[in-house]
Amino acid sequence: MKTTKGSKAKAILAAIGIMLLFIGIQAIIGAVGTVGASALHYAQTGEAFATNEEYMEYISGILTVLQFVGEIACIVIFGLWYYLGSVKKDQKLGTYESGLKKISNVNAIAFLVCISLGFYTFDLIISKITTVLIPGSSELFSQLMGLVTGGNQIVAVLTVALFAPIAEELAFRGVMLKSSKKAFAIVGCVILSALMFAIMHMNPMQSLYALPIGLALAFVAYKFNSVIPAIIIHIINNTAAVAIPSVLGRPLSMVEAVVVCAIFMALTVFTYKKLSVKDEQVEATELSA
């Protein structure tokens, strides 16, 4: 596909806009929710919060619900955008093929599981290194996660393990990747999506480990010509991040993470070679669901 500098610039600006919209939706819901909760507290008690600590303790449980609502809102908005701009269009052209159908075989399932666990441990390695190289990054990450998951634990787990992956994939590997394919080939699409995904997290630790998995998710979405495999990988990855430390009663050590990562990365390469995914995309084909 021939592109111009103008079309590439437009694609980059569109990607930035999509990222800002994703952040903005959640920020607006968070702001409205916290202001509303504070006003309700004052109406019920007739008193303002005495200290910032008192306010944060009161609001922590509400933030978990607001994060949940924000992810649902993003799923609805970007899901509709993706459906109307891609799926429905491909259905009219007769080129639509279900992403679920593309992964409904043993080789594809094995690949998705292996790449999910491989990048879960790879990200864990990066986070451990980041903790050493950037003092305070671990504390900042813990504080942010504490705000999001400090309330109802069922809501928190559903948000982190299920709804956040769906929302993020629809935005970054659905709408954004589809848009960037009009101007870039696979390398440009993958890098642009991964960079916006990393920036969106807005803290050193998450941004650093979001970059490699963002590259992997964009690569898979591009190769399968579908957002569905990326959603599944993201869900498995986030579920592993919640479940494995809970089951073990501790996080994986660096040595354990390196060994497990090496095993699953090797299996990822092996299972990918068994797939019947075409290496070359048809230029006129749009990203299907």
C-alpha atoms as a PDB file:
ATOM      1  CA  MET A   1       0.000   0.000   0.000  1.00  0.00           C
ATOM      2  CA  LYS A   2       1.495   3.325  -1.038  1.00  0.00           C
ATOM      3  CA  THR A   3       1.378   5.971   1.633  1.00  0.00           C
ATOM      4  CA  THR A   4       2.467   9.579   1.957  1.00  0.00           C
ATOM      5  CA  LYS A   5       4.021  11.501   4.818  1.00  0.00           C
ATOM      6  CA  GLY A   6       0.690  13.200   5.217  1.00  0.00           C
ATOM      7  CA  SER A   7      -1.215   9.962   5.617  1.00  0.00           C
ATOM      8  CA  LYS A   8       1.327   8.686   8.124  1.00  0.00           C
ATOM      9  CA  ALA A   9       1.134  11.896  10.116  1.00  0.00           C
ATOM     10  CA  LYS A  10      -2.639  11.651  10.074  1.00  0.00           C
ATOM     11  CA  ALA A  11      -2.453   8.051  11.321  1.00  0.00           C
ATOM     12  CA  ILE A  12      -0.140   9.086  14.175  1.00  0.00           C
ATOM     13  CA  LEU A  13      -2.441  11.947  15.165  1.00  0.00           C
ATOM     14  CA  ALA A  14      -5.417   9.592  15.020  1.00  0.00           C
ATOM     15  CA  ALA A  15      -3.596   7.127  17.280  1.00  0.00           C
ATOM     16  CA  ILE A  16      -2.815   9.886  19.789  1.00  0.00           C
ATOM     17  CA  GLY A  17      -6.453  10.963  19.675  1.00  0.00           C
ATOM     18  CA  ILE A  18      -7.682   7.424  20.335  1.00  0.00           C
ATOM     19  CA  MET A  19      -5.296   7.073  23.269  1.00  0.00           C
ATOM     20  CA  LEU A  20      -6.411  10.415  24.739  1.00  0.00           C
ATOM     21  CA  LEU A  21     -10.056   9.484  24.270  1.00  0.00           C
ATOM     22  CA  PHE A  22      -9.477   6.199  26.115  1.00  0.00           C
ATOM     23  CA  ILE A  23      -7.805   8.040  29.010  1.00  0.00           C
ATOM     24  CA  GLY A  24     -10.389  10.835  28.912  1.00  0.00           C
ATOM     25  CA  ILE A  25     -13.393   8.522  29.206  1.00  0.00           C
ATOM     26  CA  GLN A  26     -12.028   6.959  32.363  1.00  0.00           C
ATOM     27  CA  ALA A  27     -10.822  10.288  33.765  1.00  0.00           C
ATOM     28  CA  ILE A  28     -14.243  11.895  33.318  1.00  0.00           C
ATOM     29  CA  ILE A  29     -16.026   8.954  34.932  1.00  0.00           C
ATOM     30  CA  GLY A  30     -13.507   8.973  37.778  1.00  0.00           C
ATOM     31  CA  ALA A  31     -13.816  12.730  38.352  1.00  0.00           C
ATOM     32  CA  VAL A  32     -17.611  12.794  38.215  1.00  0.00           C
ATOM     33  CA  GLY A  33     -17.823   9.748  40.473  1.00  0.00           C
ATOM     34  CA  THR A  34     -15.456  11.053  43.140  1.00  0.00           C
ATOM     35  CA  VAL A  35     -17.065  14.512  43.192  1.00  0.00           C
ATOM     36  CA  GLY A  36     -20.491  12.893  43.431  1.00  0.00           C
ATOM     37  CA  ALA A  37     -19.356  10.603  46.247  1.00  0.00           C
ATOM     38  CA  SER A  38     -17.864  13.531  48.163  1.00  0.00           C
ATOM     39  CA  ALA A  39     -21.057  15.550  47.749  1.00  0.00           C
ATOM     40  CA  LEU A  40     -23.133  12.577  48.929  1.00  0.00           C
ATOM     41  CA  HIS A  41     -20.909  12.182  51.987  1.00  0.00           C
ATOM     42  CA  TYR A  42     -21.347  15.865  52.854  1.00  0.00           C
ATOM     43  CA  ALA A  43     -25.124  15.650  52.343  1.00  0.00           C
ATOM     44  CA  GLN A  44     -25.327  12.637  54.655  1.00  0.00           C
ATOM     45  CA  THR A  45     -22.981  13.846  57.391  1.00  0.00           C
ATOM     46  CA  GLY A  46     -22.970  17.620  57.011  1.00  0.00           C
ATOM     47  CA  GLU A  47     -19.201  17.557  57.404  1.00  0.00           C
ATOM     48  CA  ALA A  48     -16.249  17.737  55.050  1.00  0.00           C
ATOM     49  CA  PHE A  49     -13.353  15.316  55.318  1.00  0.00           C
ATOM     50  CA  ALA A  50     -10.969  16.323  58.099  1.00  0.00           C
ATOM     51  CA  THR A  51      -7.819  14.988  56.439  1.00  0.00           C
ATOM     52  CA  ASN A  52      -6.648  13.781  53.056  1.00  0.00           C
ATOM     53  CA  GLU A  53      -6.120  10.302  54.542  1.00  0.00           C
ATOM     54  CA  GLU A  54      -9.756  10.200  55.639  1.00  0.00           C
ATOM     55  CA  TYR A  55     -10.860  11.219  52.155  1.00  0.00           C
ATOM     56  CA  MET A  56      -8.674   8.577  50.458  1.00  0.00           C
ATOM     57  CA  GLU A  57      -9.955   5.857  52.787  1.00  0.00           C
ATOM     58  CA  TYR A  58     -13.538   6.809  51.965  1.00  0.00           C
ATOM     59  CA  ILE A  59     -12.970   7.089  48.241  1.00  0.00           C
ATOM     60  CA  SER A  60     -10.804   3.957  47.763  1.00  0.00           C
ATOM     61  CA  GLY A  61     -13.738   1.567  47.598  1.00  0.00           C
ATOM     62  CA  ILE A  62     -15.574   3.860  45.190  1.00  0.00           C
ATOM     63  CA  LEU A  63     -12.567   4.098  42.849  1.00  0.00           C
ATOM     64  CA  THR A  64     -12.701   0.334  42.286  1.00  0.00           C
ATOM     65  CA  VAL A  65     -16.270   0.629  41.066  1.00  0.00           C
ATOM     66  CA  LEU A  66     -15.474   3.725  38.991  1.00  0.00           C
ATOM     67  CA  GLN A  67     -12.601   1.904  37.272  1.00  0.00           C
ATOM     68  CA  PHE A  68     -15.013  -0.940  36.520  1.00  0.00           C
ATOM     69  CA  VAL A  69     -17.561   1.505  35.077  1.00  0.00           C
ATOM     70  CA  GLY A  70     -14.838   3.225  33.058  1.00  0.00           C
ATOM     71  CA  GLU A  71     -13.755  -0.029  31.442  1.00  0.00           C
ATOM     72  CA  ILE A  72     -17.362  -0.915  30.598  1.00  0.00           C
ATOM     73  CA  ALA A  73     -17.839   2.523  29.023  1.00  0.00           C
ATOM     74  CA  CYS A  74     -14.699   2.037  26.908  1.00  0.00           C
ATOM     75  CA  ILE A  75     -15.892  -1.413  25.822  1.00  0.00           C
ATOM     76  CA  VAL A  76     -19.210   0.044  24.674  1.00  0.00           C
ATOM     77  CA  ILE A  77     -17.709   3.072  22.899  1.00  0.00           C
ATOM     78  CA  PHE A  78     -14.747   1.383  21.220  1.00  0.00           C
ATOM     79  CA  GLY A  79     -16.710  -1.803  20.638  1.00  0.00           C
ATOM     80  CA  LEU A  80     -19.359   0.087  18.680  1.00  0.00           C
ATOM     81  CA  TRP A  81     -16.683   2.091  16.862  1.00  0.00           C
ATOM     82  CA  TYR A  82     -14.862  -1.077  15.900  1.00  0.00           C
ATOM     83  CA  TYR A  83     -18.026  -2.895  14.869  1.00  0.00           C
ATOM     84  CA  LEU A  84     -19.398  -0.074  12.730  1.00  0.00           C
ATOM     85  CA  GLY A  85     -16.031   0.843  11.214  1.00  0.00           C
ATOM     86  CA  SER A  86     -14.704  -2.641  10.584  1.00  0.00           C
ATOM     87  CA  VAL A  87     -16.939  -5.643  11.177  1.00  0.00           C
ATOM     88  CA  LYS A  88     -20.077  -4.249   9.588  1.00  0.00           C
ATOM     89  CA  LYS A  89     -18.067  -2.880   6.672  1.00  0.00           C
ATOM     90  CA  ASP A  90     -16.420  -6.259   6.037  1.00  0.00           C
ATOM     91  CA  GLN A  91     -19.788  -8.009   6.307  1.00  0.00           C
ATOM     92  CA  LYS A  92     -21.178  -5.766   3.580  1.00  0.00           C
ATOM     93  CA  LEU A  93     -18.135  -6.475   1.379  1.00  0.00           C
ATOM     94  CA  GLY A  94     -18.419 -10.196   2.038  1.00  0.00           C
ATOM     95  CA  THR A  95     -14.863 -10.343   3.438  1.00  0.00           C
ATOM     96  CA  TYR A  96     -15.740 -10.835   7.100  1.00  0.00           C
ATOM     97  CA  GLU A  97     -14.340 -13.876   8.894  1.00  0.00           C
ATOM     98  CA  SER A  98     -14.915 -14.455  12.591  1.00  0.00           C
ATOM     99  CA  GLY A  99     -11.835 -14.172  14.764  1.00  0.00           C
ATOM    100  CA  LEU A 100     -13.168 -16.981  16.942  1.00  0.00           C
ATOM    101  CA  LYS A 101     -13.188 -19.251  13.919  1.00  0.00           C
ATOM    102  CA  LYS A 102      -9.547 -18.411  13.214  1.00  0.00           C
ATOM    103  CA  ILE A 103      -8.434 -19.655  16.622  1.00  0.00           C
ATOM    104  CA  SER A 104     -10.770 -22.636  16.941  1.00  0.00           C
ATOM    105  CA  ASN A 105      -8.018 -25.239  16.607  1.00  0.00           C
ATOM    106  CA  VAL A 106      -5.490 -26.837  18.948  1.00  0.00           C
ATOM    107  CA  ASN A 107      -2.431 -25.152  17.411  1.00  0.00           C
ATOM    108  CA  ALA A 108      -3.906 -21.669  17.738  1.00  0.00           C
ATOM    109  CA  ILE A 109      -5.073 -22.244  21.314  1.00  0.00           C
ATOM    110  CA  ALA A 110      -1.661 -23.605  22.310  1.00  0.00           C
ATOM    111  CA  PHE A 111       0.027 -20.573  20.729  1.00  0.00           C
ATOM    112  CA  LEU A 112      -2.228 -18.112  22.564  1.00  0.00           C
ATOM    113  CA  VAL A 113      -1.621 -19.782  25.934  1.00  0.00           C
ATOM    114  CA  CYS A 114       2.154 -19.988  25.415  1.00  0.00           C
ATOM    115  CA  ILE A 115       2.596 -16.393  24.277  1.00  0.00           C
ATOM    116  CA  SER A 116       0.382 -15.174  27.139  1.00  0.00           C
ATOM    117  CA  LEU A 117       2.438 -16.937  29.814  1.00  0.00           C
ATOM    118  CA  GLY A 118       5.703 -16.142  28.060  1.00  0.00           C
ATOM    119  CA  PHE A 119       5.017 -12.416  28.099  1.00  0.00           C
ATOM    120  CA  TYR A 120       3.543 -12.539  31.612  1.00  0.00           C
ATOM    121  CA  THR A 121       6.880 -13.762  32.935  1.00  0.00           C
ATOM    122  CA  PHE A 122       8.844 -11.476  30.583  1.00  0.00           C
ATOM    123  CA  ASP A 123       6.915  -8.486  31.947  1.00  0.00           C
ATOM    124  CA  LEU A 124       7.573  -9.724  35.468  1.00  0.00           C
ATOM    125  CA  ILE A 125      11.306  -9.750  34.740  1.00  0.00           C
ATOM    126  CA  ILE A 126      11.098  -6.198  33.382  1.00  0.00           C
ATOM    127  CA  SER A 127       9.178  -5.030  36.452  1.00  0.00           C
ATOM    128  CA  LYS A 128      11.830  -6.501  38.771  1.00  0.00           C
ATOM    129  CA  ILE A 129      14.606  -4.787  36.812  1.00  0.00           C
ATOM    130  CA  THR A 130      12.644  -1.515  36.766  1.00  0.00           C
ATOM    131  CA  THR A 131      12.303  -1.661  40.532  1.00  0.00           C
ATOM    132  CA  VAL A 132      16.103  -1.672  40.822  1.00  0.00           C
ATOM    133  CA  LEU A 133      16.856   0.881  38.103  1.00  0.00           C
ATOM    134  CA  ILE A 134      14.072   3.363  38.952  1.00  0.00           C
ATOM    135  CA  PRO A 135      13.755   3.785  42.740  1.00  0.00           C
ATOM    136  CA  GLY A 136      10.195   4.470  43.794  1.00  0.00           C
ATOM    137  CA  SER A 137       8.607   2.936  40.670  1.00  0.00           C
ATOM    138  CA  SER A 138       7.411  -0.112  42.610  1.00  0.00           C
ATOM    139  CA  GLU A 139       5.880   2.033  45.344  1.00  0.00           C
ATOM    140  CA  LEU A 140       4.106   4.237  42.791  1.00  0.00           C
ATOM    141  CA  PHE A 141       2.760   1.172  40.987  1.00  0.00           C
ATOM    142  CA  SER A 142       1.565  -0.356  44.273  1.00  0.00           C
ATOM    143  CA  GLN A 143      -0.185   2.880  45.249  1.00  0.00           C
ATOM    144  CA  LEU A 144      -1.961   3.131  41.905  1.00  0.00           C
ATOM    145  CA  MET A 145      -3.037  -0.505  41.960  1.00  0.00           C
ATOM    146  CA  GLY A 146      -4.153  -0.102  45.560  1.00  0.00           C
ATOM    147  CA  LEU A 147      -6.479   2.716  44.532  1.00  0.00           C
ATOM    148  CA  VAL A 148      -7.992   0.637  41.737  1.00  0.00           C
ATOM    149  CA  THR A 149      -8.298  -2.628  43.666  1.00  0.00           C
ATOM    150  CA  GLY A 150      -8.881  -1.320  47.192  1.00  0.00           C
ATOM    151  CA  GLY A 151     -12.646  -1.874  47.146  1.00  0.00           C
ATOM    152  CA  ASN A 152     -14.790  -4.900  46.360  1.00  0.00           C
ATOM    153  CA  GLN A 153     -12.371  -7.665  45.420  1.00  0.00           C
ATOM    154  CA  ILE A 154     -14.724  -9.411  42.998  1.00  0.00           C
ATOM    155  CA  VAL A 155     -15.221  -6.158  41.088  1.00  0.00           C
ATOM    156  CA  ALA A 156     -11.473  -5.497  41.197  1.00  0.00           C
ATOM    157  CA  VAL A 157     -10.560  -8.933  39.800  1.00  0.00           C
ATOM    158  CA  LEU A 158     -13.196  -8.704  37.059  1.00  0.00           C
ATOM    159  CA  THR A 159     -11.882  -5.273  36.107  1.00  0.00           C
ATOM    160  CA  VAL A 160      -8.200  -6.241  35.983  1.00  0.00           C
ATOM    161  CA  ALA A 161      -8.535  -9.733  34.523  1.00  0.00           C
ATOM    162  CA  LEU A 162     -11.465  -9.340  32.128  1.00  0.00           C
ATOM    163  CA  PHE A 163     -12.899  -5.916  31.370  1.00  0.00           C
ATOM    164  CA  ALA A 164      -9.650  -3.919  31.177  1.00  0.00           C
ATOM    165  CA  PRO A 165      -8.134  -6.331  28.611  1.00  0.00           C
ATOM    166  CA  ILE A 166     -11.260  -6.220  26.459  1.00  0.00           C
ATOM    167  CA  ALA A 167     -11.476  -2.410  26.599  1.00  0.00           C
ATOM    168  CA  GLU A 168      -7.778  -1.887  25.882  1.00  0.00           C
ATOM    169  CA  GLU A 169      -7.681  -4.343  22.996  1.00  0.00           C
ATOM    170  CA  LEU A 170     -10.751  -2.890  21.306  1.00  0.00           C
ATOM    171  CA  ALA A 171      -9.147   0.559  21.488  1.00  0.00           C
ATOM    172  CA  PHE A 172      -5.494  -0.201  20.740  1.00  0.00           C
ATOM    173  CA  ARG A 173      -5.515  -3.405  18.674  1.00  0.00           C
ATOM    174  CA  GLY A 174      -8.987  -2.864  17.256  1.00  0.00           C
ATOM    175  CA  VAL A 175      -9.774   0.735  16.348  1.00  0.00           C
ATOM    176  CA  MET A 176      -6.193   2.065  16.444  1.00  0.00           C
ATOM    177  CA  LEU A 177      -4.576  -0.798  14.538  1.00  0.00           C
ATOM    178  CA  LYS A 178      -7.268  -0.729  11.881  1.00  0.00           C
ATOM    179  CA  SER A 179      -6.795   3.016  11.449  1.00  0.00           C
ATOM    180  CA  SER A 180      -2.996   2.778  11.227  1.00  0.00           C
ATOM    181  CA  LYS A 181      -3.157   0.030   8.562  1.00  0.00           C
ATOM    182  CA  LYS A 182      -4.271   2.704   6.107  1.00  0.00           C
ATOM    183  CA  ALA A 183      -0.844   4.345   6.357  1.00  0.00           C
ATOM    184  CA  PHE A 184       1.615   1.776   7.698  1.00  0.00           C
ATOM    185  CA  ALA A 185       2.712  -1.790   7.046  1.00  0.00           C
ATOM    186  CA  ILE A 186       3.050  -4.289   9.879  1.00  0.00           C
ATOM    187  CA  VAL A 187       6.137  -2.710  11.516  1.00  0.00           C
ATOM    188  CA  GLY A 188       4.636   0.771  11.718  1.00  0.00           C
ATOM    189  CA  CYS A 189       1.252  -0.522  12.907  1.00  0.00           C
ATOM    190  CA  VAL A 190       2.788  -2.674  15.630  1.00  0.00           C
ATOM    191  CA  ILE A 191       5.158   0.019  16.925  1.00  0.00           C
ATOM    192  CA  LEU A 192       2.544   2.789  16.894  1.00  0.00           C
ATOM    193  CA  SER A 193      -0.025   0.713  18.773  1.00  0.00           C
ATOM    194  CA  ALA A 194       2.539  -0.475  21.332  1.00  0.00           C
ATOM    195  CA  LEU A 195       3.877   3.037  21.980  1.00  0.00           C
ATOM    196  CA  MET A 196       0.413   4.487  22.556  1.00  0.00           C
ATOM    197  CA  PHE A 197      -0.421   1.523  24.795  1.00  0.00           C
ATOM    198  CA  ALA A 198       2.717   2.089  26.875  1.00  0.00           C
ATOM    199  CA  ILE A 199       2.146   5.837  27.195  1.00  0.00           C
ATOM    200  CA  MET A 200      -1.474   5.281  28.226  1.00  0.00           C
ATOM    201  CA  HIS A 201      -0.409   3.540  31.457  1.00  0.00           C
ATOM    202  CA  MET A 202       1.330   6.743  32.638  1.00  0.00           C
ATOM    203  CA  ASN A 203       3.697   5.256  35.228  1.00  0.00           C
ATOM    204  CA  PRO A 204       7.275   4.009  34.696  1.00  0.00           C
ATOM    205  CA  MET A 205       6.822   0.353  35.634  1.00  0.00           C
ATOM    206  CA  GLN A 206       3.638  -0.334  33.687  1.00  0.00           C
ATOM    207  CA  SER A 207       4.774   1.705  30.690  1.00  0.00           C
ATOM    208  CA  LEU A 208       8.040  -0.220  30.423  1.00  0.00           C
ATOM    209  CA  TYR A 209       6.499  -3.668  30.581  1.00  0.00           C
ATOM    210  CA  ALA A 210       3.449  -2.623  28.545  1.00  0.00           C
ATOM    211  CA  LEU A 211       5.701  -1.879  25.563  1.00  0.00           C
ATOM    212  CA  PRO A 212       6.900  -5.450  24.815  1.00  0.00           C
ATOM    213  CA  ILE A 213       3.529  -7.069  25.395  1.00  0.00           C
ATOM    214  CA  GLY A 214       1.963  -4.263  23.359  1.00  0.00           C
ATOM    215  CA  LEU A 215       4.264  -5.189  20.478  1.00  0.00           C
ATOM    216  CA  ALA A 216       3.267  -8.851  20.817  1.00  0.00           C
ATOM    217  CA  LEU A 217      -0.460  -8.090  20.990  1.00  0.00           C
ATOM    218  CA  ALA A 218      -0.332  -5.818  17.934  1.00  0.00           C
ATOM    219  CA  PHE A 219       1.727  -8.390  16.002  1.00  0.00           C
ATOM    220  CA  VAL A 220      -0.800 -11.140  16.773  1.00  0.00           C
ATOM    221  CA  ALA A 221      -3.784  -8.936  15.911  1.00  0.00           C
ATOM    222  CA  TYR A 222      -2.149  -7.970  12.612  1.00  0.00           C
ATOM    223  CA  LYS A 223      -1.135 -11.511  11.681  1.00  0.00           C
ATOM    224  CA  PHE A 224      -4.512 -13.042  12.552  1.00  0.00           C
ATOM    225  CA  ASN A 225      -6.249 -10.025  11.022  1.00  0.00           C
ATOM    226  CA  SER A 226      -8.449 -10.062  14.129  1.00  0.00           C
ATOM    227  CA  VAL A 227      -8.671  -8.402  17.540  1.00  0.00           C
ATOM    228  CA  ILE A 228     -10.040 -11.571  19.193  1.00  0.00           C
ATOM    229  CA  PRO A 229      -6.690 -13.379  19.680  1.00  0.00           C
ATOM    230  CA  ALA A 230      -5.203 -10.246  21.247  1.00  0.00           C
ATOM    231  CA  ILE A 231      -8.130 -10.017  23.669  1.00  0.00           C
ATOM    232  CA  ILE A 232      -7.660 -13.636  24.713  1.00  0.00           C
ATOM    233  CA  ILE A 233      -3.898 -13.204  25.214  1.00  0.00           C
ATOM    234  CA  HIS A 234      -4.464 -10.085  27.300  1.00  0.00           C
ATOM    235  CA  ILE A 235      -7.083 -11.809  29.464  1.00  0.00           C
ATOM    236  CA  ILE A 236      -4.830 -14.826  30.092  1.00  0.00           C
ATOM    237  CA  ASN A 237      -1.891 -12.533  30.858  1.00  0.00           C
ATOM    238  CA  ASN A 238      -3.798 -10.410  33.372  1.00  0.00           C
ATOM    239  CA  THR A 239      -5.483 -13.438  34.923  1.00  0.00           C
ATOM    240  CA  ALA A 240      -2.077 -15.055  35.424  1.00  0.00           C
ATOM    241  CA  ALA A 241      -0.805 -11.858  37.074  1.00  0.00           C
ATOM    242  CA  VAL A 242      -3.673 -12.070  39.583  1.00  0.00           C
ATOM    243  CA  ALA A 243      -3.930 -15.844  40.036  1.00  0.00           C
ATOM    244  CA  ILE A 244      -0.332 -17.083  40.173  1.00  0.00           C
ATOM    245  CA  PRO A 245       0.812 -14.965  43.163  1.00  0.00           C
ATOM    246  CA  SER A 246      -2.463 -15.821  44.940  1.00  0.00           C
ATOM    247  CA  VAL A 247      -2.003 -19.555  44.412  1.00  0.00           C
ATOM    248  CA  LEU A 248       1.684 -19.542  45.355  1.00  0.00           C
ATOM    249  CA  GLY A 249       1.221 -17.069  48.188  1.00  0.00           C
ATOM    250  CA  ARG A 250       4.074 -14.983  46.755  1.00  0.00           C
ATOM    251  CA  PRO A 251       5.259 -13.573  43.417  1.00  0.00           C
ATOM    252  CA  LEU A 252       7.629 -15.602  41.242  1.00  0.00           C
ATOM    253  CA  SER A 253      11.293 -15.038  41.988  1.00  0.00           C
ATOM    254  CA  MET A 254      13.595 -13.676  39.292  1.00  0.00           C
ATOM    255  CA  VAL A 255      15.098 -17.129  38.667  1.00  0.00           C
ATOM    256  CA  GLU A 256      11.662 -18.735  38.413  1.00  0.00           C
ATOM    257  CA  ALA A 257      10.453 -15.997  36.075  1.00  0.00           C
ATOM    258  CA  VAL A 258      13.492 -16.380  33.796  1.00  0.00           C
ATOM    259  CA  VAL A 259      13.129 -20.174  33.596  1.00  0.00           C
ATOM    260  CA  VAL A 260       9.375 -20.086  32.957  1.00  0.00           C
ATOM    261  CA  CYS A 261       9.794 -17.264  30.442  1.00  0.00           C
ATOM    262  CA  ALA A 262      12.442 -19.162  28.487  1.00  0.00           C
ATOM    263  CA  ILE A 263      10.254 -22.276  28.365  1.00  0.00           C
ATOM    264  CA  PHE A 264       7.106 -20.510  27.190  1.00  0.00           C
ATOM    265  CA  MET A 265       8.894 -18.215  24.738  1.00  0.00           C
ATOM    266  CA  ALA A 266      10.432 -21.312  23.111  1.00  0.00           C
ATOM    267  CA  LEU A 267       6.998 -22.934  23.021  1.00  0.00           C
ATOM    268  CA  THR A 268       5.574 -19.732  21.528  1.00  0.00           C
ATOM    269  CA  VAL A 269       8.006 -19.926  18.593  1.00  0.00           C
ATOM    270  CA  PHE A 270       7.327 -23.645  18.170  1.00  0.00           C
ATOM    271  CA  THR A 271       3.524 -23.305  18.227  1.00  0.00           C
ATOM    272  CA  TYR A 272       3.595 -20.233  15.957  1.00  0.00           C
ATOM    273  CA  LYS A 273       5.396 -22.241  13.290  1.00  0.00           C
ATOM    274  CA  LYS A 274       2.551 -24.757  13.453  1.00  0.00           C
ATOM    275  CA  LEU A 275      -0.075 -22.134  12.706  1.00  0.00           C
ATOM    276  CA  SER A 276      -1.668 -21.672   9.316  1.00  0.00           C
ATOM    277  CA  VAL A 277      -1.523 -17.873   9.615  1.00  0.00           C
ATOM    278  CA  LYS A 278      -0.396 -16.185   6.431  1.00  0.00           C
ATOM    279  CA  ASP A 279       2.777 -14.145   6.734  1.00  0.00           C
ATOM    280  CA  GLU A 280       1.635 -11.613   4.170  1.00  0.00           C
ATOM    281  CA  GLN A 281      -1.474  -9.529   4.683  1.00  0.00           C
ATOM    282  CA  VAL A 282      -3.665  -8.617   1.767  1.00  0.00           C
ATOM    283  CA  GLU A 283      -3.311  -4.851   1.589  1.00  0.00           C
ATOM    284  CA  ALA A 284      -6.972  -4.171   0.937  1.00  0.00           C
ATOM    285  CA  THR A 285      -8.148  -6.378   3.813  1.00  0.00           C
ATOM    286  CA  GLU A 286      -9.306  -4.531   6.907  1.00  0.00           C
ATOM    287  CA  LEU A 287      -9.018  -5.823  10.477  1.00  0.00           C
ATOM    288  CA  SER A 288     -11.890  -8.206  11.174  1.00  0.00           C
ATOM    289  CA  ALA A 289     -13.385  -9.162  14.533  1.00  0.00           C
END
